[in-house]
Amino acid sequence: MENIPEQFAQLKELLTEYFDSNLEYYKFSGFEKLIRITIALSLTALFFMLAMFALLFFGFGTAVWLSDLLGNEILGYMGTGTIYLILICLIYLLKKPLIERPFIKLFYRILYSKRPKN
């Protein structure tokens, strides 16, 4: 009977230690996943920004080429704008397989992976 308070004290100490270690683990795990998501978003933003610059210059090149081909500068730029509108419509129609699913898969891998890949 005299051991019961002592056992409760030990049990309390063990439980406190267990919860503290779990808390530290989840803090570290959450921090790691936050960093991995931040890096993925940064790389994706950088990729899209560079792709936009490439599209801008390709658009100007296409407009000048079409202007020379059609003999009218306005038609060249309008043709390039039409090409971009068609691309926008295609991307909108195919947004699930082209944009949503890859992002969902990327964030699922980041959030639910057991170990980071080196």
N, C-alpha and C. Protein backbone atom coordinates (compact mmCIF):
# COMPACT_ATOMS: atom_id res chain seq x y z
N MET A 1 0.81 -1.20 0.00
CA MET A 1 0.00 0.00 0.00
C MET A 1 0.85 1.26 0.00
N GLU A 2 2.00 1.18 0.59
CA GLU A 2 2.85 2.36 0.66
C GLU A 2 3.48 2.67 -0.69
N ASN A 3 3.56 1.69 -1.57
CA ASN A 3 4.17 1.87 -2.88
C ASN A 3 3.25 2.57 -3.88
N ILE A 4 1.97 2.59 -3.62
CA ILE A 4 1.01 3.13 -4.59
C ILE A 4 1.27 4.61 -4.89
N PRO A 5 1.44 5.49 -3.92
CA PRO A 5 1.74 6.88 -4.26
C PRO A 5 3.05 7.03 -5.04
N GLU A 6 4.01 6.21 -4.66
CA GLU A 6 5.30 6.25 -5.37
C GLU A 6 5.13 5.78 -6.82
N GLN A 7 4.31 4.75 -7.03
CA GLN A 7 4.06 4.25 -8.39
C GLN A 7 3.30 5.28 -9.21
N PHE A 8 2.35 5.96 -8.57
CA PHE A 8 1.63 7.02 -9.28
C PHE A 8 2.57 8.17 -9.66
N ALA A 9 3.49 8.48 -8.82
CA ALA A 9 4.46 9.53 -9.13
C ALA A 9 5.33 9.12 -10.31
N GLN A 10 5.76 7.86 -10.31
CA GLN A 10 6.56 7.36 -11.44
C GLN A 10 5.73 7.34 -12.73
N LEU A 11 4.48 6.91 -12.61
CA LEU A 11 3.60 6.87 -13.78
C LEU A 11 3.39 8.28 -14.34
N LYS A 12 3.18 9.23 -13.43
CA LYS A 12 3.00 10.62 -13.86
C LYS A 12 4.26 11.13 -14.55
N GLU A 13 5.40 10.81 -14.01
CA GLU A 13 6.67 11.24 -14.60
C GLU A 13 6.87 10.61 -15.99
N LEU A 14 6.55 9.34 -16.12
CA LEU A 14 6.69 8.65 -17.41
C LEU A 14 5.72 9.22 -18.45
N LEU A 15 4.47 9.46 -18.02
CA LEU A 15 3.50 10.03 -18.95
C LEU A 15 3.90 11.44 -19.39
N THR A 16 4.39 12.23 -18.47
CA THR A 16 4.85 13.57 -18.82
C THR A 16 6.00 13.50 -19.81
N GLU A 17 6.93 12.61 -19.57
CA GLU A 17 8.07 12.42 -20.48
C GLU A 17 7.60 11.95 -21.86
N TYR A 18 6.63 11.04 -21.86
CA TYR A 18 6.09 10.51 -23.12
C TYR A 18 5.42 11.62 -23.93
N PHE A 19 4.56 12.42 -23.28
CA PHE A 19 3.86 13.49 -23.99
C PHE A 19 4.83 14.58 -24.44
N ASP A 20 5.83 14.87 -23.65
CA ASP A 20 6.83 15.87 -24.06
C ASP A 20 7.60 15.40 -25.29
N SER A 21 7.99 14.13 -25.30
CA SER A 21 8.73 13.62 -26.46
C SER A 21 7.83 13.57 -27.70
N ASN A 22 6.56 13.21 -27.53
CA ASN A 22 5.63 13.22 -28.67
C ASN A 22 5.43 14.64 -29.19
N LEU A 23 5.31 15.60 -28.28
CA LEU A 23 5.15 16.98 -28.67
C LEU A 23 6.35 17.47 -29.47
N GLU A 24 7.54 17.14 -29.02
CA GLU A 24 8.76 17.52 -29.74
C GLU A 24 8.80 16.87 -31.12
N TYR A 25 8.41 15.61 -31.19
CA TYR A 25 8.41 14.90 -32.48
C TYR A 25 7.45 15.57 -33.45
N TYR A 26 6.24 15.89 -33.01
CA TYR A 26 5.26 16.49 -33.90
C TYR A 26 5.64 17.92 -34.28
N LYS A 27 6.30 18.63 -33.38
CA LYS A 27 6.80 19.96 -33.73
C LYS A 27 7.84 19.85 -34.84
N PHE A 28 8.77 18.94 -34.68
CA PHE A 28 9.81 18.75 -35.69
C PHE A 28 9.22 18.28 -37.00
N SER A 29 8.30 17.34 -36.95
CA SER A 29 7.66 16.82 -38.15
C SER A 29 6.88 17.92 -38.87
N GLY A 30 6.15 18.72 -38.13
CA GLY A 30 5.40 19.82 -38.72
C GLY A 30 6.32 20.86 -39.34
N PHE A 31 7.41 21.17 -38.65
CA PHE A 31 8.38 22.13 -39.17
C PHE A 31 9.01 21.62 -40.46
N GLU A 32 9.37 20.35 -40.48
CA GLU A 32 9.98 19.74 -41.66
C GLU A 32 9.02 19.80 -42.84
N LYS A 33 7.76 19.46 -42.62
CA LYS A 33 6.78 19.48 -43.70
C LYS A 33 6.49 20.91 -44.16
N LEU A 34 6.47 21.86 -43.25
CA LEU A 34 6.29 23.25 -43.62
C LEU A 34 7.43 23.73 -44.51
N ILE A 35 8.64 23.37 -44.17
CA ILE A 35 9.80 23.76 -44.97
C ILE A 35 9.73 23.11 -46.35
N ARG A 36 9.37 21.84 -46.39
CA ARG A 36 9.30 21.14 -47.69
C ARG A 36 8.20 21.75 -48.56
N ILE A 37 7.06 22.13 -47.98
CA ILE A 37 6.00 22.77 -48.76
C ILE A 37 6.45 24.15 -49.24
N THR A 38 7.13 24.90 -48.38
CA THR A 38 7.63 26.22 -48.77
C THR A 38 8.61 26.11 -49.93
N ILE A 39 9.50 25.14 -49.87
CA ILE A 39 10.47 24.95 -50.95
C ILE A 39 9.75 24.55 -52.24
N ALA A 40 8.78 23.64 -52.13
CA ALA A 40 8.04 23.22 -53.32
C ALA A 40 7.29 24.39 -53.94
N LEU A 41 6.64 25.21 -53.11
CA LEU A 41 5.92 26.38 -53.63
C LEU A 41 6.87 27.40 -54.25
N SER A 42 8.04 27.59 -53.64
CA SER A 42 9.01 28.53 -54.18
C SER A 42 9.53 28.07 -55.53
N LEU A 43 9.86 26.78 -55.63
CA LEU A 43 10.35 26.26 -56.90
C LEU A 43 9.27 26.32 -57.97
N THR A 44 8.03 26.03 -57.60
CA THR A 44 6.92 26.10 -58.55
C THR A 44 6.71 27.54 -59.02
N ALA A 45 6.76 28.49 -58.09
CA ALA A 45 6.61 29.90 -58.46
C ALA A 45 7.74 30.35 -59.38
N LEU A 46 8.95 29.93 -59.09
CA LEU A 46 10.09 30.28 -59.93
C LEU A 46 9.93 29.68 -61.33
N PHE A 47 9.51 28.42 -61.40
CA PHE A 47 9.29 27.77 -62.69
C PHE A 47 8.24 28.52 -63.50
N PHE A 48 7.11 28.86 -62.88
CA PHE A 48 6.06 29.56 -63.61
C PHE A 48 6.49 30.97 -64.03
N MET A 49 7.26 31.64 -63.20
CA MET A 49 7.73 32.96 -63.56
C MET A 49 8.66 32.89 -64.79
N LEU A 50 9.58 31.94 -64.79
CA LEU A 50 10.46 31.77 -65.94
C LEU A 50 9.69 31.33 -67.18
N ALA A 51 8.68 30.49 -66.99
CA ALA A 51 7.85 30.07 -68.11
C ALA A 51 7.09 31.27 -68.68
N MET A 52 6.63 32.17 -67.83
CA MET A 52 5.92 33.36 -68.31
C MET A 52 6.85 34.26 -69.12
N PHE A 53 8.09 34.42 -68.66
CA PHE A 53 9.05 35.21 -69.44
C PHE A 53 9.31 34.55 -70.79
N ALA A 54 9.45 33.25 -70.81
CA ALA A 54 9.67 32.54 -72.07
C ALA A 54 8.47 32.72 -72.99
N LEU A 55 7.27 32.60 -72.45
CA LEU A 55 6.07 32.80 -73.28
C LEU A 55 5.98 34.23 -73.80
N LEU A 56 6.38 35.18 -73.01
CA LEU A 56 6.36 36.57 -73.44
C LEU A 56 7.26 36.76 -74.66
N PHE A 57 8.49 36.28 -74.57
CA PHE A 57 9.42 36.46 -75.69
C PHE A 57 9.04 35.62 -76.89
N PHE A 58 8.56 34.40 -76.66
CA PHE A 58 8.07 33.60 -77.78
C PHE A 58 6.86 34.25 -78.43
N GLY A 59 6.03 34.89 -77.63
CA GLY A 59 4.87 35.60 -78.17
C GLY A 59 5.28 36.75 -79.06
N PHE A 60 6.26 37.54 -78.61
CA PHE A 60 6.74 38.63 -79.45
C PHE A 60 7.38 38.09 -80.74
N GLY A 61 8.14 37.04 -80.59
CA GLY A 61 8.76 36.43 -81.78
C GLY A 61 7.72 35.90 -82.76
N THR A 62 6.70 35.25 -82.23
CA THR A 62 5.62 34.73 -83.07
C THR A 62 4.87 35.86 -83.74
N ALA A 63 4.62 36.94 -83.01
CA ALA A 63 3.90 38.08 -83.58
C ALA A 63 4.70 38.71 -84.71
N VAL A 64 5.99 38.87 -84.53
CA VAL A 64 6.82 39.45 -85.60
C VAL A 64 6.88 38.50 -86.80
N TRP A 65 7.01 37.21 -86.53
CA TRP A 65 7.04 36.22 -87.62
C TRP A 65 5.73 36.23 -88.40
N LEU A 66 4.60 36.23 -87.68
CA LEU A 66 3.30 36.28 -88.36
C LEU A 66 3.11 37.61 -89.10
N SER A 67 3.63 38.69 -88.54
CA SER A 67 3.54 39.99 -89.22
C SER A 67 4.27 39.94 -90.56
N ASP A 68 5.46 39.35 -90.56
CA ASP A 68 6.20 39.22 -91.82
C ASP A 68 5.49 38.27 -92.78
N LEU A 69 4.94 37.20 -92.24
CA LEU A 69 4.27 36.20 -93.07
C LEU A 69 2.98 36.75 -93.69
N LEU A 70 2.21 37.50 -92.90
CA LEU A 70 0.93 38.02 -93.37
C LEU A 70 1.05 39.41 -94.01
N GLY A 71 2.15 40.07 -93.82
CA GLY A 71 2.36 41.38 -94.40
C GLY A 71 1.67 42.50 -93.64
N ASN A 72 1.20 42.23 -92.44
CA ASN A 72 0.50 43.24 -91.65
C ASN A 72 0.85 43.02 -90.17
N GLU A 73 1.36 44.06 -89.54
CA GLU A 73 1.80 43.93 -88.14
C GLU A 73 0.63 43.66 -87.20
N ILE A 74 -0.49 44.32 -87.43
CA ILE A 74 -1.66 44.14 -86.56
C ILE A 74 -2.16 42.70 -86.62
N LEU A 75 -2.21 42.13 -87.83
CA LEU A 75 -2.65 40.75 -87.95
C LEU A 75 -1.70 39.78 -87.26
N GLY A 76 -0.42 40.09 -87.27
CA GLY A 76 0.55 39.25 -86.57
C GLY A 76 0.31 39.20 -85.07
N TYR A 77 0.08 40.37 -84.50
CA TYR A 77 -0.19 40.43 -83.05
C TYR A 77 -1.56 39.84 -82.70
N MET A 78 -2.53 40.05 -83.56
CA MET A 78 -3.85 39.47 -83.32
C MET A 78 -3.80 37.94 -83.43
N GLY A 79 -3.03 37.45 -84.38
CA GLY A 79 -2.87 36.00 -84.51
C GLY A 79 -2.21 35.39 -83.28
N THR A 80 -1.20 36.07 -82.77
CA THR A 80 -0.53 35.59 -81.55
C THR A 80 -1.49 35.62 -80.37
N GLY A 81 -2.28 36.68 -80.27
CA GLY A 81 -3.29 36.75 -79.20
C GLY A 81 -4.31 35.64 -79.32
N THR A 82 -4.70 35.32 -80.55
CA THR A 82 -5.64 34.21 -80.76
C THR A 82 -5.04 32.88 -80.32
N ILE A 83 -3.77 32.68 -80.64
CA ILE A 83 -3.09 31.45 -80.21
C ILE A 83 -3.09 31.35 -78.68
N TYR A 84 -2.80 32.49 -78.02
CA TYR A 84 -2.81 32.48 -76.56
C TYR A 84 -4.21 32.22 -75.99
N LEU A 85 -5.24 32.78 -76.62
CA LEU A 85 -6.61 32.52 -76.16
C LEU A 85 -6.97 31.04 -76.31
N ILE A 86 -6.56 30.43 -77.39
CA ILE A 86 -6.80 28.99 -77.58
C ILE A 86 -6.07 28.18 -76.50
N LEU A 87 -4.81 28.57 -76.21
CA LEU A 87 -4.07 27.88 -75.15
C LEU A 87 -4.75 28.05 -73.79
N ILE A 88 -5.25 29.24 -73.51
CA ILE A 88 -5.94 29.49 -72.24
C ILE A 88 -7.18 28.60 -72.14
N CYS A 89 -7.94 28.50 -73.23
CA CYS A 89 -9.14 27.65 -73.22
C CYS A 89 -8.77 26.18 -73.02
N LEU A 90 -7.71 25.72 -73.68
CA LEU A 90 -7.27 24.33 -73.51
C LEU A 90 -6.83 24.05 -72.07
N ILE A 91 -6.08 24.98 -71.51
CA ILE A 91 -5.62 24.80 -70.13
C ILE A 91 -6.81 24.80 -69.18
N TYR A 92 -7.78 25.67 -69.42
CA TYR A 92 -8.96 25.70 -68.56
C TYR A 92 -9.74 24.39 -68.66
N LEU A 93 -9.88 23.87 -69.86
CA LEU A 93 -10.61 22.61 -70.03
C LEU A 93 -9.87 21.41 -69.45
N LEU A 94 -8.55 21.47 -69.46
CA LEU A 94 -7.73 20.36 -68.97
C LEU A 94 -7.06 20.67 -67.64
N LYS A 95 -7.68 21.57 -66.85
CA LYS A 95 -7.03 21.99 -65.60
C LYS A 95 -6.89 20.87 -64.58
N LYS A 96 -7.85 19.94 -64.53
CA LYS A 96 -7.73 18.85 -63.54
C LYS A 96 -6.50 17.98 -63.81
N PRO A 97 -6.36 17.41 -65.01
CA PRO A 97 -5.20 16.54 -65.22
C PRO A 97 -3.88 17.30 -65.34
N LEU A 98 -3.91 18.56 -65.76
CA LEU A 98 -2.66 19.30 -65.95
C LEU A 98 -2.19 20.04 -64.71
N ILE A 99 -3.11 20.51 -63.89
CA ILE A 99 -2.72 21.37 -62.77
C ILE A 99 -3.12 20.79 -61.42
N GLU A 100 -4.40 20.48 -61.24
CA GLU A 100 -4.88 20.08 -59.91
C GLU A 100 -4.28 18.76 -59.44
N ARG A 101 -4.37 17.74 -60.26
CA ARG A 101 -3.87 16.42 -59.83
C ARG A 101 -2.37 16.41 -59.53
N PRO A 102 -1.52 17.01 -60.39
CA PRO A 102 -0.09 17.03 -60.03
C PRO A 102 0.19 17.77 -58.72
N PHE A 103 -0.52 18.89 -58.47
CA PHE A 103 -0.31 19.59 -57.21
C PHE A 103 -0.79 18.78 -56.02
N ILE A 104 -1.92 18.12 -56.16
CA ILE A 104 -2.43 17.29 -55.07
C ILE A 104 -1.44 16.16 -54.77
N LYS A 105 -0.93 15.53 -55.82
CA LYS A 105 0.05 14.45 -55.62
C LYS A 105 1.33 14.97 -54.97
N LEU A 106 1.79 16.15 -55.41
CA LEU A 106 3.00 16.73 -54.84
C LEU A 106 2.83 17.00 -53.35
N PHE A 107 1.73 17.66 -52.96
CA PHE A 107 1.53 17.98 -51.56
C PHE A 107 1.22 16.74 -50.73
N TYR A 108 0.58 15.74 -51.32
CA TYR A 108 0.35 14.48 -50.60
C TYR A 108 1.69 13.81 -50.29
N ARG A 109 2.58 13.78 -51.29
CA ARG A 109 3.91 13.18 -51.04
C ARG A 109 4.66 13.94 -49.97
N ILE A 110 4.56 15.27 -50.00
CA ILE A 110 5.28 16.08 -49.01
C ILE A 110 4.71 15.86 -47.61
N LEU A 111 3.39 15.88 -47.49
CA LEU A 111 2.77 15.81 -46.17
C LEU A 111 2.77 14.41 -45.57
N TYR A 112 2.69 13.38 -46.41
CA TYR A 112 2.53 12.04 -45.87
C TYR A 112 3.71 11.12 -46.11
N SER A 113 4.83 11.65 -46.56
CA SER A 113 6.00 10.80 -46.73
C SER A 113 6.64 10.54 -45.37
N LYS A 114 7.22 9.37 -45.25
CA LYS A 114 7.83 8.99 -43.97
C LYS A 114 9.21 9.60 -43.79
N ARG A 115 10.02 9.59 -44.86
CA ARG A 115 11.38 10.12 -44.78
C ARG A 115 11.63 11.02 -45.98
N PRO A 116 12.37 12.11 -45.77
CA PRO A 116 12.70 12.97 -46.91
C PRO A 116 13.67 12.26 -47.86
N LYS A 117 13.51 12.50 -49.14
CA LYS A 117 14.40 11.89 -50.13
C LYS A 117 15.65 12.76 -50.26
N ASN A 118 16.80 12.12 -50.26
CA ASN A 118 18.06 12.86 -50.40
C ASN A 118 18.61 12.67 -51.78
